[in-house]
Amino acid sequence: MVGNNVSHAMNKTKRRFDANLVKKRFYIPEEDKWVTLKVSTSALKTINKIGISAAIKEAKSKGFLK
């Protein structure tokens, strides 16, 4: 997404709104291994809510993962 930085004097310069991404390690007990994922903070909240196994299962069903 793009927008403007607006100063106090109402000068406008172009800027970008990037996704809020974090690199996070998750332990998957079914596979007994750690995986490192680069996820958005909204996805991190979803993983914390439903669990990493359910989130991976849902992502595979939607076609986000192979």
N, C-alpha and C. Protein backbone atom coordinates (compact mmCIF):
# COMPACT_ATOMS: atom_id res chain seq x y z
N MET A 1 0.84 -1.16 0.00
CA MET A 1 0.00 0.00 0.00
C MET A 1 0.90 1.24 0.00
N VAL A 2 0.48 2.28 -0.65
CA VAL A 2 1.24 3.51 -0.67
C VAL A 2 0.40 4.65 -0.12
N GLY A 3 1.08 5.68 0.31
CA GLY A 3 0.39 6.85 0.85
C GLY A 3 1.34 8.02 0.92
N ASN A 4 1.02 8.96 1.78
CA ASN A 4 1.83 10.17 1.91
C ASN A 4 2.28 10.36 3.35
N ASN A 5 3.54 10.85 3.51
CA ASN A 5 3.97 11.43 4.77
C ASN A 5 3.50 12.88 4.71
N VAL A 6 2.84 13.35 5.75
CA VAL A 6 2.35 14.72 5.76
C VAL A 6 3.00 15.44 6.93
N SER A 7 3.76 16.49 6.63
CA SER A 7 4.45 17.25 7.67
C SER A 7 3.48 18.25 8.30
N HIS A 8 3.97 18.94 9.32
CA HIS A 8 3.17 19.96 9.99
C HIS A 8 2.78 21.08 9.03
N ALA A 9 3.67 21.34 8.06
CA ALA A 9 3.40 22.39 7.06
C ALA A 9 2.57 21.85 5.90
N MET A 10 2.05 20.63 6.05
CA MET A 10 1.20 19.98 5.05
C MET A 10 1.95 19.65 3.76
N ASN A 11 3.28 19.53 3.83
CA ASN A 11 4.04 19.03 2.68
C ASN A 11 3.81 17.53 2.59
N LYS A 12 3.64 17.03 1.38
CA LYS A 12 3.36 15.61 1.20
C LYS A 12 4.47 14.95 0.39
N THR A 13 5.00 13.83 0.92
CA THR A 13 5.98 13.02 0.21
C THR A 13 5.47 11.58 0.23
N LYS A 14 5.76 10.86 -0.85
CA LYS A 14 5.29 9.49 -0.98
C LYS A 14 5.97 8.57 0.03
N ARG A 15 5.24 7.57 0.53
CA ARG A 15 5.77 6.56 1.42
C ARG A 15 5.05 5.26 1.17
N ARG A 16 5.62 4.17 1.70
CA ARG A 16 5.02 2.85 1.55
C ARG A 16 4.59 2.31 2.91
N PHE A 17 3.50 1.60 2.94
CA PHE A 17 3.05 0.89 4.13
C PHE A 17 3.38 -0.58 3.93
N ASP A 18 4.47 -1.06 4.55
CA ASP A 18 4.89 -2.44 4.41
C ASP A 18 4.24 -3.31 5.47
N ALA A 19 4.19 -4.60 5.21
CA ALA A 19 3.65 -5.55 6.17
C ALA A 19 4.57 -5.63 7.39
N ASN A 20 3.97 -5.86 8.56
CA ASN A 20 4.72 -5.97 9.80
C ASN A 20 5.16 -7.43 9.96
N LEU A 21 6.38 -7.76 9.49
CA LEU A 21 6.87 -9.13 9.49
C LEU A 21 7.87 -9.36 10.60
N VAL A 22 7.81 -10.55 11.19
CA VAL A 22 8.76 -10.97 12.21
C VAL A 22 9.24 -12.38 11.89
N LYS A 23 10.49 -12.68 12.25
CA LYS A 23 11.03 -14.02 12.09
C LYS A 23 10.87 -14.73 13.43
N LYS A 24 10.23 -15.91 13.41
CA LYS A 24 9.90 -16.60 14.66
C LYS A 24 10.13 -18.09 14.50
N ARG A 25 10.67 -18.72 15.55
CA ARG A 25 10.85 -20.18 15.57
C ARG A 25 9.66 -20.82 16.26
N PHE A 26 9.17 -21.92 15.68
CA PHE A 26 8.06 -22.66 16.26
C PHE A 26 8.46 -24.12 16.39
N TYR A 27 8.01 -24.75 17.47
CA TYR A 27 8.24 -26.17 17.67
C TYR A 27 6.98 -26.91 17.26
N ILE A 28 7.16 -27.92 16.38
CA ILE A 28 6.04 -28.73 15.92
C ILE A 28 6.19 -30.10 16.58
N PRO A 29 5.35 -30.40 17.58
CA PRO A 29 5.52 -31.66 18.31
C PRO A 29 5.24 -32.90 17.46
N GLU A 30 4.33 -32.82 16.48
CA GLU A 30 4.02 -33.98 15.65
C GLU A 30 5.24 -34.44 14.84
N GLU A 31 6.02 -33.47 14.36
CA GLU A 31 7.21 -33.79 13.58
C GLU A 31 8.48 -33.77 14.43
N ASP A 32 8.36 -33.37 15.68
CA ASP A 32 9.47 -33.29 16.64
C ASP A 32 10.63 -32.47 16.08
N LYS A 33 10.31 -31.26 15.55
CA LYS A 33 11.36 -30.39 15.03
C LYS A 33 10.95 -28.93 15.16
N TRP A 34 11.95 -28.07 15.06
CA TRP A 34 11.75 -26.62 15.07
C TRP A 34 11.74 -26.12 13.64
N VAL A 35 10.87 -25.16 13.36
CA VAL A 35 10.85 -24.51 12.05
C VAL A 35 10.90 -23.01 12.27
N THR A 36 11.57 -22.30 11.38
CA THR A 36 11.65 -20.85 11.43
C THR A 36 10.77 -20.30 10.32
N LEU A 37 9.83 -19.44 10.69
CA LEU A 37 8.91 -18.85 9.74
C LEU A 37 9.00 -17.33 9.81
N LYS A 38 8.82 -16.68 8.67
CA LYS A 38 8.72 -15.23 8.62
C LYS A 38 7.24 -14.93 8.43
N VAL A 39 6.59 -14.49 9.50
CA VAL A 39 5.13 -14.31 9.49
C VAL A 39 4.78 -12.88 9.86
N SER A 40 3.60 -12.47 9.45
CA SER A 40 3.09 -11.16 9.86
C SER A 40 2.63 -11.26 11.31
N THR A 41 2.53 -10.13 11.96
CA THR A 41 2.11 -10.14 13.36
C THR A 41 0.66 -10.58 13.50
N SER A 42 -0.16 -10.33 12.49
CA SER A 42 -1.54 -10.82 12.55
C SER A 42 -1.57 -12.35 12.44
N ALA A 43 -0.68 -12.93 11.62
CA ALA A 43 -0.58 -14.39 11.54
C ALA A 43 -0.04 -14.97 12.84
N LEU A 44 0.85 -14.25 13.49
CA LEU A 44 1.40 -14.69 14.77
C LEU A 44 0.31 -14.76 15.83
N LYS A 45 -0.60 -13.78 15.82
CA LYS A 45 -1.73 -13.81 16.75
C LYS A 45 -2.63 -15.01 16.47
N THR A 46 -2.82 -15.34 15.19
CA THR A 46 -3.64 -16.50 14.83
C THR A 46 -2.97 -17.78 15.29
N ILE A 47 -1.65 -17.89 15.11
CA ILE A 47 -0.92 -19.08 15.56
C ILE A 47 -1.00 -19.22 17.06
N ASN A 48 -0.89 -18.13 17.79
CA ASN A 48 -1.00 -18.18 19.24
C ASN A 48 -2.40 -18.59 19.67
N LYS A 49 -3.40 -18.25 18.88
CA LYS A 49 -4.79 -18.55 19.24
C LYS A 49 -5.16 -20.00 18.94
N ILE A 50 -4.84 -20.49 17.72
CA ILE A 50 -5.28 -21.83 17.34
C ILE A 50 -4.18 -22.88 17.40
N GLY A 51 -2.93 -22.46 17.54
CA GLY A 51 -1.81 -23.39 17.60
C GLY A 51 -1.13 -23.53 16.25
N ILE A 52 0.15 -23.89 16.29
CA ILE A 52 0.95 -23.97 15.07
C ILE A 52 0.49 -25.12 14.19
N SER A 53 0.11 -26.25 14.77
CA SER A 53 -0.31 -27.40 13.96
C SER A 53 -1.58 -27.10 13.19
N ALA A 54 -2.55 -26.49 13.86
CA ALA A 54 -3.80 -26.13 13.19
C ALA A 54 -3.58 -25.05 12.15
N ALA A 55 -2.68 -24.11 12.42
CA ALA A 55 -2.39 -23.04 11.46
C ALA A 55 -1.73 -23.60 10.20
N ILE A 56 -0.80 -24.55 10.36
CA ILE A 56 -0.16 -25.17 9.20
C ILE A 56 -1.18 -25.98 8.41
N LYS A 57 -2.04 -26.71 9.11
CA LYS A 57 -3.07 -27.51 8.44
C LYS A 57 -4.01 -26.61 7.63
N GLU A 58 -4.40 -25.49 8.22
CA GLU A 58 -5.29 -24.54 7.53
C GLU A 58 -4.60 -23.90 6.33
N ALA A 59 -3.32 -23.55 6.48
CA ALA A 59 -2.57 -22.95 5.38
C ALA A 59 -2.40 -23.93 4.22
N LYS A 60 -2.19 -25.22 4.54
CA LYS A 60 -2.07 -26.21 3.48
C LYS A 60 -3.39 -26.40 2.75
N SER A 61 -4.50 -26.37 3.48
CA SER A 61 -5.81 -26.55 2.84
C SER A 61 -6.18 -25.37 1.96
N LYS A 62 -5.69 -24.18 2.31
CA LYS A 62 -5.96 -22.99 1.50
C LYS A 62 -4.96 -22.82 0.36
N GLY A 63 -3.90 -23.64 0.35
CA GLY A 63 -2.92 -23.60 -0.74
C GLY A 63 -1.77 -22.64 -0.52
N PHE A 64 -1.59 -22.15 0.71
CA PHE A 64 -0.47 -21.25 1.00
C PHE A 64 0.83 -22.03 1.18
N LEU A 65 0.74 -23.29 1.61
CA LEU A 65 1.90 -24.16 1.79
C LEU A 65 1.75 -25.39 0.91
N LYS A 66 2.89 -26.00 0.59
CA LYS A 66 2.86 -27.23 -0.23
C LYS A 66 2.60 -28.42 0.64
